[in-house]
Amino acid sequence: MPDFDMVLFGGTGDLARRKLLPSLFDAHRCGVLHPSARILATGSHPQTTEQYKATLEDTVRPGLEHAPPEAWASFLDRICYVQADAREPAHFDALAQKVLARKPEVVVCYLATAPHIFVPICEQLARTGLNTPNVRVVLEKPLGHDLDSSEAINAAVGKYFAEDQIYRIDHYLGKESVQNLMAIRFGNALFEPLWRREWVQDVQITIAEELGVEKRGDFYDQTGALRDMVQNHLLQLLCMVAMEPPASLSEDAIRDEKIKILKALKPILPQDVAEKTVRGQYRSGAIAGKPVVGYLEEQGIAPDSRTETFVAIKAEIANWRWEGVPFYLRTGKRMQSRVAEIVVHFRDVPHAIFPKPLGLSPQNRLVIRLQPEESIRLYFLVKQAGDTLELTPTSLDLDFANSFKARRAGAYERLLLDVIRGRLGLFVRRDEQVQAWRWVEPIIDTWDASTVPPKPYTAGTWGPAASTALMSRDGALWHEEV
């Protein structure tokens, strides 16, 4: 592991406290980080390093499962606070002096800030000499509000950093089960003959949250579920399921295959949006037995907002492997449970000689669970014990926590370490992002032009009834309904 300085822009924000610092602590506790590596947390307000560390005691340490006092103390020794307001060039002069004086092998600038200050930060980094080839910049989503704004940010950042210095992060690509999806597909002869339209009935990708908008109402009301989740997370997962075998595991070989899938997605024309998409908005209900307010009653939400908190889409891929196979994408807030999974439903056998068990269609499916726990489960049928030839469902389970005793890095930890090591394979290339925006923009535009409001759904359910209807038109069911 090279020596590095990691500059966390937005070091006082929610993402740094919930994900980035805990992930770096886990790597530190396990001895992965270089002994001299530093974390420079920045914020727009003046405070001392000791004051900043005191806030971490209250906001970060309580959420750490394994934080021995000595490990936590030595982790804090790596951290210092630097005031860095993008409107104040003098702040960046001081930051650059602090970094350049130590001359680390690698400098990682993580922009965990609002997208509108990505460009001012990069301008200041370049002005102060913090854009040399050993500097890497990490961009958090959402990168823009639409294709034009996304391209404007990419073009502006590209003035100061080469493409191989820009790491557009999608933390779902860092999950162990997503990595295992590639291993299952491309490391075994078992599934490849079945991974095509002749044997796959449909693919479902779900990212459901129990949480509402929390304290992000102002941001979320300007974004919505389609921009926040579909344009990036769900389309990236779709690419991982559908892409052709890459020639190698090199970063560009993998990303070349993903862009082919994004380009092969059939456009959803304005006249088809009502049939192939569902947008919903949660109303008051209950989560885990506790009452919760509806979206329109959340703090920071306009009382007449038409922002979607739920999206379901029927996507199709126009290529030889997947023609005619629907890919159902679904995401929502205030859903019945927190779950992220990929479900591949295989077709039934062409000629059934056994009585078909009730309530099972399709009978064979592969379920790749991304959260809350990571696992892979293959469902199939076996003969029931006894003197009859009746079938019963069973499954083969790969539970990573029980099957592998080695420590598994979390998604953010894996990706942060990849940035430090200079590995781009699990990050989104600019052309991928452009193509994803091109596919979702007609849906956004049609919704914006429509007078039909989002479909209401009760908090604590699986979304609007229209989501089930979207599936039933094809004779399909969401996985939890099977």
Protein backbone atom coordinates (compact mmCIF):
# COMPACT_ATOMS: atom_id res chain seq x y z
CA MET A 1 0.00 0.00 0.00
CA PRO A 2 1.58 3.33 -1.01
CA ASP A 3 1.98 6.25 1.35
CA PHE A 4 -0.85 8.71 0.80
CA ASP A 5 -2.63 11.83 1.94
CA MET A 6 -6.41 11.63 1.65
CA VAL A 7 -8.13 15.02 1.56
CA LEU A 8 -11.80 14.64 2.49
CA PHE A 9 -13.68 17.65 1.16
CA GLY A 10 -16.91 17.64 3.12
CA GLY A 11 -15.13 16.10 6.08
CA THR A 12 -17.79 17.44 8.43
CA GLY A 13 -20.65 16.04 6.38
CA ASP A 14 -22.91 13.03 6.70
CA LEU A 15 -21.13 10.84 4.14
CA ALA A 16 -17.74 11.31 5.78
CA ARG A 17 -19.12 10.48 9.23
CA ARG A 18 -21.28 7.50 8.21
CA LYS A 19 -19.19 5.84 5.50
CA LEU A 20 -15.78 7.26 4.69
CA LEU A 21 -14.17 7.63 8.10
CA PRO A 22 -15.56 4.30 9.42
CA SER A 23 -14.24 2.57 6.28
CA LEU A 24 -10.82 4.13 6.68
CA PHE A 25 -10.83 3.14 10.35
CA ASP A 26 -11.54 -0.49 9.44
CA ALA A 27 -8.61 -0.48 7.03
CA HIS A 28 -6.42 1.14 9.67
CA ARG A 29 -7.44 -1.32 12.39
CA CYS A 30 -6.52 -4.24 10.14
CA GLY A 31 -3.12 -2.80 9.29
CA VAL A 32 -3.86 -2.17 5.62
CA LEU A 33 -2.94 1.51 5.50
CA HIS A 34 0.62 2.77 5.13
CA PRO A 35 2.00 3.77 8.57
CA SER A 36 2.62 7.36 7.47
CA ALA A 37 -0.67 7.90 5.63
CA ARG A 38 -2.74 10.91 6.68
CA ILE A 39 -6.38 11.98 6.48
CA LEU A 40 -6.94 15.70 5.98
CA ALA A 41 -10.59 16.48 6.71
CA THR A 42 -11.82 19.80 5.39
CA GLY A 43 -14.80 22.00 6.11
CA SER A 44 -15.83 25.57 5.44
CA HIS A 45 -15.94 26.57 9.11
CA PRO A 46 -12.90 27.31 11.30
CA GLN A 47 -12.07 24.83 14.03
CA THR A 48 -8.98 23.15 15.43
CA THR A 49 -7.99 19.56 14.76
CA GLU A 50 -8.70 18.73 18.39
CA GLN A 51 -12.20 20.19 18.13
CA TYR A 52 -12.83 18.16 14.99
CA LYS A 53 -11.61 14.96 16.64
CA ALA A 54 -13.93 15.63 19.57
CA THR A 55 -16.89 15.68 17.16
CA LEU A 56 -15.75 12.30 15.78
CA GLU A 57 -15.93 10.85 19.28
CA ASP A 58 -19.64 11.71 19.32
CA THR A 59 -20.57 11.08 15.69
CA VAL A 60 -18.31 8.32 14.34
CA ARG A 61 -17.00 6.17 17.17
CA PRO A 62 -20.44 5.09 18.55
CA GLY A 63 -21.23 3.46 15.21
CA LEU A 64 -18.06 1.37 15.03
CA GLU A 65 -18.56 -2.28 15.93
CA HIS A 66 -14.90 -2.99 16.60
CA ALA A 67 -13.08 0.03 17.96
CA PRO A 68 -10.43 -0.96 20.53
CA PRO A 69 -9.29 2.19 22.34
CA GLU A 70 -5.71 1.88 21.13
CA ALA A 71 -6.78 1.42 17.50
CA TRP A 72 -9.15 4.39 17.69
CA ALA A 73 -6.47 6.57 19.30
CA SER A 74 -3.87 5.69 16.64
CA PHE A 75 -6.45 6.31 13.90
CA LEU A 76 -7.14 9.79 15.26
CA ASP A 77 -3.40 10.44 15.10
CA ARG A 78 -3.69 10.21 11.31
CA ILE A 79 -6.34 12.93 11.13
CA CYS A 80 -6.00 16.67 10.98
CA TYR A 81 -8.57 19.32 10.13
CA VAL A 82 -7.97 21.98 7.48
CA GLN A 83 -10.41 24.78 6.73
CA ALA A 84 -11.09 24.81 3.00
CA ASP A 85 -13.85 27.03 1.66
CA ALA A 86 -13.96 26.83 -2.15
CA ARG A 87 -14.50 30.61 -2.25
CA GLU A 88 -11.28 31.29 -0.33
CA PRO A 89 -8.06 30.74 -2.34
CA ALA A 90 -5.92 31.30 0.78
CA HIS A 91 -7.43 28.16 2.34
CA PHE A 92 -6.20 26.08 -0.60
CA ASP A 93 -2.77 27.69 -0.46
CA ALA A 94 -2.46 26.45 3.12
CA LEU A 95 -3.82 23.01 2.20
CA ALA A 96 -1.39 22.62 -0.70
CA GLN A 97 1.52 23.68 1.46
CA LYS A 98 0.57 21.06 4.04
CA VAL A 99 0.39 18.29 1.43
CA LEU A 100 3.37 19.25 -0.72
CA ALA A 101 5.65 19.65 2.28
CA ARG A 102 5.30 15.93 3.09
CA LYS A 103 5.42 14.70 -0.53
CA PRO A 104 3.28 11.53 -0.21
CA GLU A 105 3.35 9.00 -3.05
CA VAL A 106 -0.36 9.45 -3.71
CA VAL A 107 -2.81 12.26 -2.98
CA VAL A 108 -6.52 11.37 -2.98
CA CYS A 109 -8.98 14.26 -3.06
CA TYR A 110 -12.43 12.92 -2.18
CA LEU A 111 -15.20 15.39 -3.09
CA ALA A 112 -17.98 14.43 -0.66
CA THR A 113 -19.70 17.75 -1.28
CA ALA A 114 -22.58 19.18 -3.27
CA PRO A 115 -21.89 18.80 -7.03
CA HIS A 116 -22.03 22.53 -7.69
CA ILE A 117 -18.72 23.05 -5.89
CA PHE A 118 -16.86 20.21 -7.59
CA VAL A 119 -15.52 22.57 -10.24
CA PRO A 120 -14.42 25.40 -7.89
CA ILE A 121 -12.58 22.84 -5.75
CA CYS A 122 -10.81 21.38 -8.78
CA GLU A 123 -9.89 24.85 -10.00
CA GLN A 124 -8.26 25.62 -6.67
CA LEU A 125 -6.49 22.26 -6.58
CA ALA A 126 -5.00 22.93 -10.01
CA ARG A 127 -4.03 26.50 -9.13
CA THR A 128 -2.06 25.29 -6.11
CA GLY A 129 -0.35 22.41 -7.92
CA LEU A 130 -2.49 19.62 -6.50
CA ASN A 131 -3.30 18.10 -9.88
CA THR A 132 -0.03 16.36 -10.70
CA PRO A 133 -0.18 12.75 -12.00
CA ASN A 134 -0.01 11.32 -8.48
CA VAL A 135 -3.22 13.15 -7.49
CA ARG A 136 -6.57 11.34 -7.82
CA VAL A 137 -9.96 12.99 -7.48
CA VAL A 138 -13.03 11.05 -6.37
CA LEU A 139 -16.44 12.39 -7.46
CA GLU A 140 -19.56 11.40 -5.53
CA LYS A 141 -22.98 11.09 -7.10
CA PRO A 142 -25.16 12.70 -8.22
CA LEU A 143 -22.86 14.17 -10.86
CA GLY A 144 -25.19 16.82 -12.18
CA HIS A 145 -28.94 17.04 -12.55
CA ASP A 146 -29.17 15.96 -16.19
CA LEU A 147 -26.94 15.15 -19.14
CA ASP A 148 -25.98 18.76 -19.84
CA SER A 149 -25.04 19.59 -16.26
CA SER A 150 -23.22 16.28 -15.86
CA GLU A 151 -21.20 16.89 -19.00
CA ALA A 152 -20.45 20.45 -17.91
CA ILE A 153 -18.99 19.15 -14.65
CA ASN A 154 -17.05 16.39 -16.41
CA ALA A 155 -15.66 18.84 -18.98
CA ALA A 156 -14.64 21.34 -16.30
CA VAL A 157 -12.99 18.72 -14.09
CA GLY A 158 -11.35 17.30 -17.20
CA LYS A 159 -9.54 20.61 -17.77
CA TYR A 160 -7.49 19.99 -14.64
CA PHE A 161 -7.36 16.18 -14.31
CA ALA A 162 -6.82 13.42 -16.86
CA GLU A 163 -9.52 10.76 -17.19
CA ASP A 164 -7.32 8.19 -15.44
CA GLN A 165 -7.12 10.53 -12.44
CA ILE A 166 -10.93 10.80 -12.08
CA TYR A 167 -12.73 8.19 -9.97
CA ARG A 168 -16.54 8.43 -10.27
CA ILE A 169 -17.69 6.29 -7.40
CA ASP A 170 -20.68 3.96 -7.24
CA HIS A 171 -20.38 2.08 -3.97
CA TYR A 172 -22.61 -0.79 -5.09
CA LEU A 173 -19.82 -1.89 -7.43
CA GLY A 174 -17.62 -2.42 -4.38
CA LYS A 175 -19.91 -4.97 -2.72
CA GLU A 176 -18.56 -8.49 -2.31
CA SER A 177 -21.61 -10.10 -3.88
CA VAL A 178 -21.29 -7.96 -7.03
CA GLN A 179 -17.68 -9.10 -7.35
CA ASN A 180 -18.89 -12.68 -6.90
CA LEU A 181 -21.44 -12.18 -9.67
CA MET A 182 -18.51 -11.74 -12.05
CA ALA A 183 -16.78 -14.76 -10.56
CA ILE A 184 -19.89 -16.93 -10.92
CA ARG A 185 -20.44 -15.87 -14.52
CA PHE A 186 -16.92 -15.77 -15.85
CA GLY A 187 -15.05 -18.19 -13.57
CA ASN A 188 -17.31 -21.22 -14.03
CA ALA A 189 -18.66 -23.20 -16.95
CA LEU A 190 -21.92 -23.93 -15.12
CA PHE A 191 -23.89 -20.71 -15.71
CA GLU A 192 -22.59 -19.30 -18.98
CA PRO A 193 -24.63 -21.63 -21.23
CA LEU A 194 -27.80 -20.60 -19.31
CA TRP A 195 -27.04 -16.86 -19.14
CA ARG A 196 -29.03 -15.86 -22.21
CA ARG A 197 -32.53 -15.35 -23.63
CA GLU A 198 -33.10 -19.07 -24.30
CA TRP A 199 -33.01 -19.88 -20.58
CA VAL A 200 -33.57 -16.61 -18.67
CA GLN A 201 -37.18 -15.56 -18.24
CA ASP A 202 -36.55 -12.20 -16.57
CA VAL A 203 -34.10 -10.31 -14.36
CA GLN A 204 -35.14 -8.19 -11.38
CA ILE A 205 -32.95 -5.61 -9.66
CA THR A 206 -34.30 -4.07 -6.46
CA ILE A 207 -32.84 -1.49 -4.08
CA ALA A 208 -35.40 -0.81 -1.34
CA GLU A 209 -34.94 1.38 1.72
CA GLU A 210 -36.94 1.68 4.92
CA LEU A 211 -35.62 5.20 5.46
CA GLY A 212 -37.37 8.31 4.25
CA VAL A 213 -35.58 11.45 3.13
CA GLU A 214 -34.21 12.02 6.67
CA LYS A 215 -32.58 15.47 6.81
CA ARG A 216 -31.98 15.62 3.07
CA GLY A 217 -35.39 16.93 2.09
CA ASP A 218 -34.18 20.02 0.24
CA PHE A 219 -31.70 17.96 -1.78
CA TYR A 220 -33.99 15.01 -2.41
CA ASP A 221 -36.92 17.11 -3.60
CA GLN A 222 -34.70 18.45 -6.38
CA THR A 223 -33.40 15.01 -7.27
CA GLY A 224 -35.89 12.15 -6.90
CA ALA A 225 -35.40 8.40 -7.05
CA LEU A 226 -34.77 8.20 -10.80
CA ARG A 227 -31.76 10.51 -10.69
CA ASP A 228 -30.62 9.39 -7.23
CA MET A 229 -30.71 5.62 -7.78
CA VAL A 230 -31.65 4.45 -11.29
CA GLN A 231 -29.27 6.56 -13.37
CA ASN A 232 -26.31 5.21 -11.47
CA HIS A 233 -26.75 2.26 -9.06
CA LEU A 234 -29.41 0.23 -10.83
CA LEU A 235 -28.03 0.72 -14.34
CA GLN A 236 -24.54 -0.22 -13.15
CA LEU A 237 -25.90 -3.42 -11.61
CA LEU A 238 -27.81 -4.15 -14.83
CA CYS A 239 -24.54 -3.84 -16.74
CA MET A 240 -22.79 -6.27 -14.40
CA VAL A 241 -25.55 -8.85 -14.97
CA ALA A 242 -25.89 -8.40 -18.72
CA MET A 243 -22.42 -7.63 -20.06
CA GLU A 244 -20.45 -10.01 -22.25
CA PRO A 245 -17.33 -11.72 -20.86
CA PRO A 246 -14.49 -9.18 -20.95
CA ALA A 247 -11.23 -10.13 -22.59
CA SER A 248 -9.46 -9.67 -19.25
CA LEU A 249 -9.96 -8.14 -15.82
CA SER A 250 -8.27 -4.93 -16.88
CA GLU A 251 -10.20 -1.79 -16.03
CA ASP A 252 -10.95 -0.80 -19.61
CA ALA A 253 -11.89 -4.33 -20.71
CA ILE A 254 -14.62 -4.44 -18.05
CA ARG A 255 -15.84 -0.91 -18.69
CA ASP A 256 -15.84 -1.45 -22.47
CA GLU A 257 -18.34 -4.28 -22.00
CA LYS A 258 -20.54 -2.19 -19.67
CA ILE A 259 -20.81 0.67 -22.17
CA LYS A 260 -21.96 -1.79 -24.84
CA ILE A 261 -24.91 -2.75 -22.64
CA LEU A 262 -25.83 0.87 -21.92
CA LYS A 263 -25.80 1.60 -25.64
CA ALA A 264 -27.93 -1.47 -26.32
CA LEU A 265 -30.70 -0.46 -23.89
CA LYS A 266 -33.87 0.14 -25.88
CA PRO A 267 -34.99 3.77 -25.52
CA ILE A 268 -38.27 4.23 -23.67
CA LEU A 269 -40.16 6.60 -25.94
CA PRO A 270 -42.53 9.23 -24.50
CA GLN A 271 -45.59 7.30 -25.68
CA ASP A 272 -44.33 4.19 -23.83
CA VAL A 273 -43.39 5.79 -20.52
CA ALA A 274 -46.81 5.24 -18.92
CA GLU A 275 -46.74 1.54 -19.83
CA LYS A 276 -43.11 0.76 -18.97
CA THR A 277 -42.48 2.93 -15.91
CA VAL A 278 -44.10 3.58 -12.55
CA ARG A 279 -43.35 6.56 -10.33
CA GLY A 280 -44.65 6.66 -6.80
CA GLN A 281 -44.58 8.80 -3.67
CA TYR A 282 -44.99 7.48 -0.14
CA ARG A 283 -47.79 8.50 2.18
CA SER A 284 -47.92 8.11 5.94
CA GLY A 285 -47.73 4.59 7.27
CA ALA A 286 -45.63 2.48 9.60
CA ILE A 287 -42.06 1.18 9.52
CA ALA A 288 -41.10 -1.55 11.99
CA GLY A 289 -44.36 -0.91 13.83
CA LYS A 290 -43.72 2.81 14.28
CA PRO A 291 -45.78 5.49 12.51
CA VAL A 292 -44.02 7.66 9.92
CA VAL A 293 -45.20 10.72 8.05
CA GLY A 294 -45.77 10.91 4.33
CA TYR A 295 -43.31 12.49 1.91
CA LEU A 296 -45.28 15.73 1.64
CA GLU A 297 -45.10 16.17 5.43
CA GLU A 298 -41.30 15.70 5.56
CA GLN A 299 -39.09 18.66 6.45
CA GLY A 300 -37.94 20.62 3.41
CA ILE A 301 -40.55 19.16 1.04
CA ALA A 302 -42.95 21.42 -0.85
CA PRO A 303 -46.60 20.57 -0.03
CA ASP A 304 -47.39 20.13 -3.74
CA SER A 305 -44.21 18.25 -4.66
CA ARG A 306 -44.43 15.70 -7.45
CA THR A 307 -40.97 14.28 -6.81
CA GLU A 308 -40.91 10.49 -7.00
CA THR A 309 -39.71 8.39 -4.07
CA PHE A 310 -40.36 5.11 -5.92
CA VAL A 311 -39.52 4.00 -9.45
CA ALA A 312 -40.18 0.76 -11.30
CA ILE A 313 -39.07 0.33 -14.90
CA LYS A 314 -39.25 -2.42 -17.48
CA ALA A 315 -35.98 -2.20 -19.42
CA GLU A 316 -34.98 -4.22 -22.47
CA ILE A 317 -31.65 -4.85 -24.14
CA ALA A 318 -31.43 -4.99 -27.92
CA ASN A 319 -28.68 -7.53 -28.50
CA TRP A 320 -28.33 -11.17 -29.43
CA ARG A 321 -27.99 -12.49 -25.87
CA TRP A 322 -30.89 -10.63 -24.23
CA GLU A 323 -33.48 -9.88 -26.90
CA GLY A 324 -36.96 -10.41 -25.42
CA VAL A 325 -35.79 -10.72 -21.78
CA PRO A 326 -37.27 -8.00 -19.54
CA PHE A 327 -35.05 -6.40 -16.90
CA TYR A 328 -37.24 -5.01 -14.13
CA LEU A 329 -35.66 -2.22 -12.09
CA ARG A 330 -37.16 -1.05 -8.81
CA THR A 331 -36.14 1.32 -6.06
CA GLY A 332 -38.00 3.19 -3.35
CA LYS A 333 -37.93 4.82 0.04
CA ARG A 334 -40.11 3.85 3.00
CA MET A 335 -40.45 0.32 1.66
CA GLN A 336 -41.41 -2.75 3.67
CA SER A 337 -37.80 -3.75 4.31
CA ARG A 338 -34.27 -2.71 3.48
CA VAL A 339 -33.03 -4.96 0.73
CA ALA A 340 -30.87 -4.81 -2.36
CA GLU A 341 -30.84 -7.86 -4.60
CA ILE A 342 -30.50 -9.17 -8.12
CA VAL A 343 -32.84 -12.01 -9.07
CA VAL A 344 -32.35 -14.06 -12.24
CA HIS A 345 -35.45 -16.14 -13.05
CA PHE A 346 -34.74 -19.09 -15.31
CA ARG A 347 -37.33 -20.58 -17.64
CA ASP A 348 -39.17 -23.76 -16.77
CA VAL A 349 -38.10 -27.04 -18.31
CA PRO A 350 -39.59 -27.45 -21.81
CA HIS A 351 -41.56 -30.58 -20.92
CA ALA A 352 -42.71 -31.09 -17.31
CA ILE A 353 -43.07 -34.72 -16.26
CA PHE A 354 -43.48 -33.97 -12.55
CA PRO A 355 -46.49 -32.28 -10.94
CA LYS A 356 -45.69 -28.61 -10.53
CA PRO A 357 -45.56 -27.36 -6.91
CA LEU A 358 -48.09 -24.66 -6.10
CA GLY A 359 -47.05 -21.04 -5.91
CA LEU A 360 -43.71 -21.44 -7.62
CA SER A 361 -43.16 -19.63 -10.88
CA PRO A 362 -40.50 -19.71 -12.10
CA GLN A 363 -39.07 -22.66 -10.21
CA ASN A 364 -35.37 -22.01 -10.76
CA ARG A 365 -33.88 -18.68 -9.76
CA LEU A 366 -30.59 -17.21 -8.63
CA VAL A 367 -30.87 -14.57 -5.89
CA ILE A 368 -27.85 -12.38 -5.28
CA ARG A 369 -28.41 -10.42 -2.06
CA LEU A 370 -26.38 -7.22 -1.70
CA GLN A 371 -27.84 -5.94 1.56
CA PRO A 372 -28.50 -6.08 4.44
CA GLU A 373 -26.41 -9.26 4.40
CA GLU A 374 -24.48 -10.45 1.34
CA SER A 375 -25.31 -13.90 0.01
CA ILE A 376 -26.03 -15.92 -3.11
CA ARG A 377 -28.84 -18.46 -3.19
CA LEU A 378 -29.81 -20.84 -6.01
CA TYR A 379 -33.37 -22.17 -5.87
CA PHE A 380 -34.28 -25.47 -7.54
CA LEU A 381 -36.56 -28.50 -7.08
CA VAL A 382 -35.84 -31.88 -5.57
CA LYS A 383 -37.93 -34.97 -4.91
CA GLN A 384 -39.80 -35.06 -1.63
CA ALA A 385 -38.86 -37.85 0.76
CA GLY A 386 -41.27 -40.74 0.52
CA ASP A 387 -42.72 -43.08 -2.07
CA THR A 388 -44.21 -40.37 -4.34
CA LEU A 389 -42.55 -38.45 -7.15
CA GLU A 390 -43.59 -35.02 -5.92
CA LEU A 391 -41.16 -32.12 -6.02
CA THR A 392 -40.34 -29.64 -3.31
CA PRO A 393 -38.25 -26.46 -3.45
CA THR A 394 -34.83 -26.18 -1.83
CA SER A 395 -31.82 -23.96 -2.24
CA LEU A 396 -28.05 -23.91 -2.23
CA ASP A 397 -26.82 -21.05 -0.06
CA LEU A 398 -23.56 -19.18 -0.13
CA ASP A 399 -23.52 -17.02 2.98
CA PHE A 400 -20.28 -15.07 2.85
CA ALA A 401 -20.12 -14.42 6.59
CA ASN A 402 -20.36 -18.15 7.43
CA SER A 403 -18.56 -19.59 4.41
CA PHE A 404 -15.45 -17.43 4.49
CA LYS A 405 -13.78 -16.60 7.77
CA ALA A 406 -11.44 -14.05 6.24
CA ARG A 407 -12.42 -10.45 6.86
CA ARG A 408 -14.44 -8.92 4.06
CA ALA A 409 -13.90 -5.24 3.32
CA GLY A 410 -17.03 -3.11 3.07
CA ALA A 411 -17.93 -1.49 -0.25
CA TYR A 412 -16.55 1.94 0.57
CA GLU A 413 -13.39 0.50 2.12
CA ARG A 414 -12.72 -1.60 -0.98
CA LEU A 415 -13.22 1.36 -3.29
CA LEU A 416 -11.13 3.74 -1.18
CA LEU A 417 -8.27 1.25 -1.22
CA ASP A 418 -8.66 0.86 -4.98
CA VAL A 419 -8.32 4.63 -5.40
CA ILE A 420 -5.14 4.64 -3.31
CA ARG A 421 -3.74 1.76 -5.38
CA GLY A 422 -4.79 3.38 -8.66
CA ARG A 423 -7.30 0.73 -9.75
CA LEU A 424 -10.09 2.15 -11.94
CA GLY A 425 -12.01 -1.03 -12.81
CA LEU A 426 -14.81 -0.55 -10.24
CA PHE A 427 -15.37 3.11 -11.08
CA VAL A 428 -17.60 4.66 -13.71
CA ARG A 429 -16.05 5.95 -16.91
CA ARG A 430 -17.29 9.20 -18.42
CA ASP A 431 -18.88 7.57 -21.47
CA GLU A 432 -20.86 5.22 -19.21
CA GLN A 433 -22.27 8.17 -17.33
CA VAL A 434 -23.20 9.98 -20.55
CA GLN A 435 -25.03 6.94 -21.92
CA ALA A 436 -26.92 6.37 -18.67
CA TRP A 437 -28.17 9.96 -18.67
CA ARG A 438 -29.23 9.64 -22.30
CA TRP A 439 -31.38 6.65 -21.42
CA VAL A 440 -33.12 8.13 -18.36
CA GLU A 441 -33.62 11.69 -19.67
CA PRO A 442 -36.65 10.90 -21.91
CA ILE A 443 -38.36 9.38 -18.85
CA ILE A 444 -37.59 12.46 -16.75
CA ASP A 445 -38.80 14.81 -19.49
CA THR A 446 -42.04 12.87 -20.00
CA TRP A 447 -42.79 12.83 -16.28
CA ASP A 448 -42.07 16.56 -16.02
CA ALA A 449 -44.46 17.30 -18.89
CA SER A 450 -47.22 15.08 -17.51
CA THR A 451 -50.09 16.34 -15.36
CA VAL A 452 -50.45 12.90 -13.75
CA PRO A 453 -49.03 12.91 -10.20
CA PRO A 454 -46.92 10.05 -8.78
CA LYS A 455 -48.85 6.99 -7.64
CA PRO A 456 -49.33 7.06 -3.87
CA TYR A 457 -48.20 4.14 -1.72
CA THR A 458 -48.35 3.56 2.01
CA ALA A 459 -45.06 3.69 3.87
CA GLY A 460 -44.07 0.18 4.91
CA THR A 461 -45.36 -1.53 1.75
CA TRP A 462 -43.65 -2.63 -1.45
CA GLY A 463 -44.76 0.41 -3.42
CA PRO A 464 -47.77 1.33 -5.57
CA ALA A 465 -50.11 -1.31 -6.93
CA ALA A 466 -49.08 -0.15 -10.40
CA SER A 467 -45.69 -1.76 -9.78
CA THR A 468 -47.33 -5.18 -9.48
CA ALA A 469 -49.43 -4.42 -12.55
CA LEU A 470 -46.26 -3.61 -14.51
CA MET A 471 -45.12 -7.18 -13.85
CA SER A 472 -48.48 -8.91 -14.20
CA ARG A 473 -48.87 -7.68 -17.78
CA ASP A 474 -45.97 -10.02 -18.58
CA GLY A 475 -47.21 -12.79 -16.32
CA ALA A 476 -44.40 -12.09 -13.83
CA LEU A 477 -44.17 -11.37 -10.10
CA TRP A 478 -41.70 -9.49 -7.98
CA HIS A 479 -39.46 -11.87 -6.08
CA GLU A 480 -41.08 -11.35 -2.67
CA GLU A 481 -44.48 -12.20 -4.18
CA VAL A 482 -43.37 -15.58 -5.57
